[in-house]
Amino acid sequence: MMRPPYLFPPERREEWLGDLYEVNREMLHKDYPRWQVNLNNVLKTVILVISALKIRLSDFFSLGKVKSE
């Protein structure tokens, strides 16, 4: 059975989710509105995904350069 492709290895995903959970708890403890906590989650997730895609694309193009040389 094929595993779905992930942008990050399991250790990095677990670490990132743990960090996000801690920030959520801290923001809720400081009485931030729930919508602001959720917006923070969405923005951090978008930034993480874009960064991961940039790294993947960079690796892909640098691999192509190495093969062509």
N, C-alpha and C. Protein backbone atom coordinates (compact mmCIF):
# COMPACT_ATOMS: atom_id res chain seq x y z
N MET A 1 0.85 -1.18 0.00
CA MET A 1 0.00 0.00 0.00
C MET A 1 0.89 1.24 0.00
N MET A 2 0.56 2.20 -0.86
CA MET A 2 1.36 3.41 -0.96
C MET A 2 0.99 4.41 0.12
N ARG A 3 2.02 5.01 0.69
CA ARG A 3 1.79 6.09 1.65
C ARG A 3 1.57 7.39 0.90
N PRO A 4 0.71 8.26 1.42
CA PRO A 4 0.54 9.57 0.77
C PRO A 4 1.81 10.41 0.94
N PRO A 5 2.13 11.23 -0.05
CA PRO A 5 3.34 12.06 0.07
C PRO A 5 3.10 13.20 1.06
N TYR A 6 4.07 13.42 1.90
CA TYR A 6 4.00 14.50 2.87
C TYR A 6 5.11 15.50 2.58
N LEU A 7 4.89 16.74 2.96
CA LEU A 7 5.92 17.76 2.77
C LEU A 7 7.03 17.63 3.82
N PHE A 8 6.68 17.11 4.98
CA PHE A 8 7.66 16.98 6.06
C PHE A 8 7.70 15.56 6.57
N PRO A 9 8.85 15.14 7.11
CA PRO A 9 8.92 13.82 7.76
C PRO A 9 8.11 13.83 9.06
N PRO A 10 7.75 12.65 9.57
CA PRO A 10 6.89 12.57 10.76
C PRO A 10 7.41 13.34 11.97
N GLU A 11 8.73 13.32 12.22
CA GLU A 11 9.27 14.01 13.40
C GLU A 11 9.00 15.50 13.32
N ARG A 12 9.20 16.09 12.14
CA ARG A 12 8.98 17.52 11.99
C ARG A 12 7.50 17.87 12.12
N ARG A 13 6.62 17.02 11.58
CA ARG A 13 5.18 17.27 11.70
C ARG A 13 4.76 17.25 13.16
N GLU A 14 5.24 16.24 13.90
CA GLU A 14 4.88 16.13 15.31
C GLU A 14 5.40 17.33 16.11
N GLU A 15 6.63 17.74 15.82
CA GLU A 15 7.20 18.90 16.52
C GLU A 15 6.40 20.16 16.22
N TRP A 16 6.06 20.35 14.95
CA TRP A 16 5.32 21.55 14.57
C TRP A 16 3.92 21.56 15.21
N LEU A 17 3.26 20.42 15.20
CA LEU A 17 1.93 20.37 15.82
C LEU A 17 2.00 20.61 17.32
N GLY A 18 3.04 20.10 17.96
CA GLY A 18 3.22 20.35 19.39
C GLY A 18 3.43 21.82 19.68
N ASP A 19 4.25 22.47 18.85
CA ASP A 19 4.48 23.91 19.01
C ASP A 19 3.19 24.70 18.81
N LEU A 20 2.44 24.33 17.79
CA LEU A 20 1.18 25.01 17.52
C LEU A 20 0.20 24.84 18.67
N TYR A 21 0.15 23.64 19.24
CA TYR A 21 -0.73 23.36 20.37
C TYR A 21 -0.35 24.24 21.57
N GLU A 22 0.95 24.37 21.84
CA GLU A 22 1.40 25.20 22.96
C GLU A 22 1.01 26.66 22.76
N VAL A 23 1.18 27.17 21.54
CA VAL A 23 0.82 28.56 21.25
C VAL A 23 -0.69 28.75 21.42
N ASN A 24 -1.48 27.76 20.95
CA ASN A 24 -2.93 27.83 21.12
C ASN A 24 -3.31 27.94 22.59
N ARG A 25 -2.74 27.06 23.41
CA ARG A 25 -3.06 27.06 24.84
C ARG A 25 -2.68 28.39 25.48
N GLU A 26 -1.51 28.90 25.11
CA GLU A 26 -1.06 30.17 25.68
C GLU A 26 -1.99 31.31 25.27
N MET A 27 -2.37 31.35 24.00
CA MET A 27 -3.26 32.43 23.54
C MET A 27 -4.63 32.33 24.20
N LEU A 28 -5.15 31.12 24.34
CA LEU A 28 -6.44 30.95 25.00
C LEU A 28 -6.36 31.31 26.48
N HIS A 29 -5.24 30.97 27.11
CA HIS A 29 -5.03 31.31 28.51
C HIS A 29 -4.97 32.82 28.71
N LYS A 30 -4.45 33.53 27.72
CA LYS A 30 -4.37 34.99 27.78
C LYS A 30 -5.66 35.65 27.30
N ASP A 31 -6.70 34.84 27.12
CA ASP A 31 -8.04 35.31 26.75
C ASP A 31 -8.14 35.99 25.39
N TYR A 32 -7.31 35.51 24.44
CA TYR A 32 -7.50 35.98 23.07
C TYR A 32 -8.81 35.41 22.55
N PRO A 33 -9.50 36.13 21.68
CA PRO A 33 -10.74 35.58 21.10
C PRO A 33 -10.42 34.34 20.25
N ARG A 34 -11.37 33.43 20.26
CA ARG A 34 -11.18 32.16 19.54
C ARG A 34 -10.90 32.39 18.05
N TRP A 35 -11.57 33.37 17.44
CA TRP A 35 -11.36 33.63 16.02
C TRP A 35 -9.92 34.06 15.76
N GLN A 36 -9.33 34.80 16.70
CA GLN A 36 -7.95 35.25 16.52
C GLN A 36 -6.97 34.07 16.65
N VAL A 37 -7.26 33.16 17.56
CA VAL A 37 -6.43 31.96 17.71
C VAL A 37 -6.50 31.13 16.42
N ASN A 38 -7.71 30.97 15.90
CA ASN A 38 -7.87 30.20 14.66
C ASN A 38 -7.20 30.87 13.47
N LEU A 39 -7.31 32.19 13.39
CA LEU A 39 -6.65 32.93 12.33
C LEU A 39 -5.13 32.75 12.43
N ASN A 40 -4.61 32.80 13.62
CA ASN A 40 -3.18 32.57 13.84
C ASN A 40 -2.78 31.18 13.34
N ASN A 41 -3.61 30.18 13.64
CA ASN A 41 -3.33 28.81 13.18
C ASN A 41 -3.30 28.73 11.66
N VAL A 42 -4.27 29.34 11.03
CA VAL A 42 -4.35 29.31 9.56
C VAL A 42 -3.14 29.99 8.94
N LEU A 43 -2.78 31.16 9.45
CA LEU A 43 -1.65 31.89 8.88
C LEU A 43 -0.34 31.13 9.06
N LYS A 44 -0.13 30.58 10.23
CA LYS A 44 1.10 29.81 10.46
C LYS A 44 1.14 28.57 9.58
N THR A 45 0.00 27.93 9.38
CA THR A 45 -0.06 26.76 8.52
C THR A 45 0.25 27.12 7.07
N VAL A 46 -0.32 28.21 6.59
CA VAL A 46 -0.07 28.66 5.22
C VAL A 46 1.42 28.97 5.03
N ILE A 47 2.01 29.66 6.00
CA ILE A 47 3.43 29.99 5.92
C ILE A 47 4.28 28.72 5.90
N LEU A 48 3.94 27.76 6.73
CA LEU A 48 4.68 26.50 6.78
C LEU A 48 4.58 25.74 5.46
N VAL A 49 3.39 25.66 4.90
CA VAL A 49 3.20 24.93 3.65
C VAL A 49 3.94 25.62 2.50
N ILE A 50 3.85 26.93 2.43
CA ILE A 50 4.56 27.66 1.37
C ILE A 50 6.07 27.46 1.51
N SER A 51 6.58 27.51 2.73
CA SER A 51 8.01 27.29 2.95
C SER A 51 8.42 25.89 2.53
N ALA A 52 7.61 24.91 2.87
CA ALA A 52 7.92 23.52 2.50
C ALA A 52 7.90 23.35 0.98
N LEU A 53 6.94 23.97 0.32
CA LEU A 53 6.88 23.88 -1.14
C LEU A 53 8.09 24.54 -1.78
N LYS A 54 8.52 25.68 -1.25
CA LYS A 54 9.71 26.35 -1.78
C LYS A 54 10.94 25.45 -1.65
N ILE A 55 11.06 24.79 -0.50
CA ILE A 55 12.19 23.88 -0.29
C ILE A 55 12.13 22.72 -1.28
N ARG A 56 10.95 22.14 -1.45
CA ARG A 56 10.80 21.02 -2.39
C ARG A 56 11.14 21.44 -3.81
N LEU A 57 10.65 22.60 -4.23
CA LEU A 57 10.94 23.09 -5.58
C LEU A 57 12.43 23.38 -5.74
N SER A 58 13.02 23.97 -4.73
CA SER A 58 14.45 24.25 -4.78
C SER A 58 15.25 22.96 -4.90
N ASP A 59 14.88 21.94 -4.10
CA ASP A 59 15.55 20.64 -4.18
C ASP A 59 15.37 20.02 -5.56
N PHE A 60 14.17 20.13 -6.10
CA PHE A 60 13.87 19.55 -7.41
C PHE A 60 14.74 20.19 -8.50
N PHE A 61 14.81 21.52 -8.49
CA PHE A 61 15.59 22.21 -9.52
C PHE A 61 17.09 22.01 -9.33
N SER A 62 17.57 21.95 -8.09
CA SER A 62 18.99 21.72 -7.88
C SER A 62 19.36 20.29 -8.26
N LEU A 63 18.45 19.35 -8.08
CA LEU A 63 18.69 17.97 -8.49
C LEU A 63 18.79 17.89 -10.01
N GLY A 64 17.95 18.65 -10.69
CA GLY A 64 17.99 18.68 -12.16
C GLY A 64 19.30 19.26 -12.67
N LYS A 65 19.84 20.26 -11.97
CA LYS A 65 21.12 20.87 -12.37
C LYS A 65 22.26 19.87 -12.19
N VAL A 66 22.22 19.12 -11.10
CA VAL A 66 23.28 18.14 -10.83
C VAL A 66 23.27 17.05 -11.89
N LYS A 67 22.09 16.58 -12.28
CA LYS A 67 21.98 15.52 -13.28
C LYS A 67 22.44 16.00 -14.66
N SER A 68 22.23 17.26 -14.97
CA SER A 68 22.57 17.77 -16.29
C SER A 68 24.07 18.05 -16.42
N GLU A 69 24.77 18.17 -15.31
CA GLU A 69 26.21 18.47 -15.37
C GLU A 69 27.05 17.26 -15.59
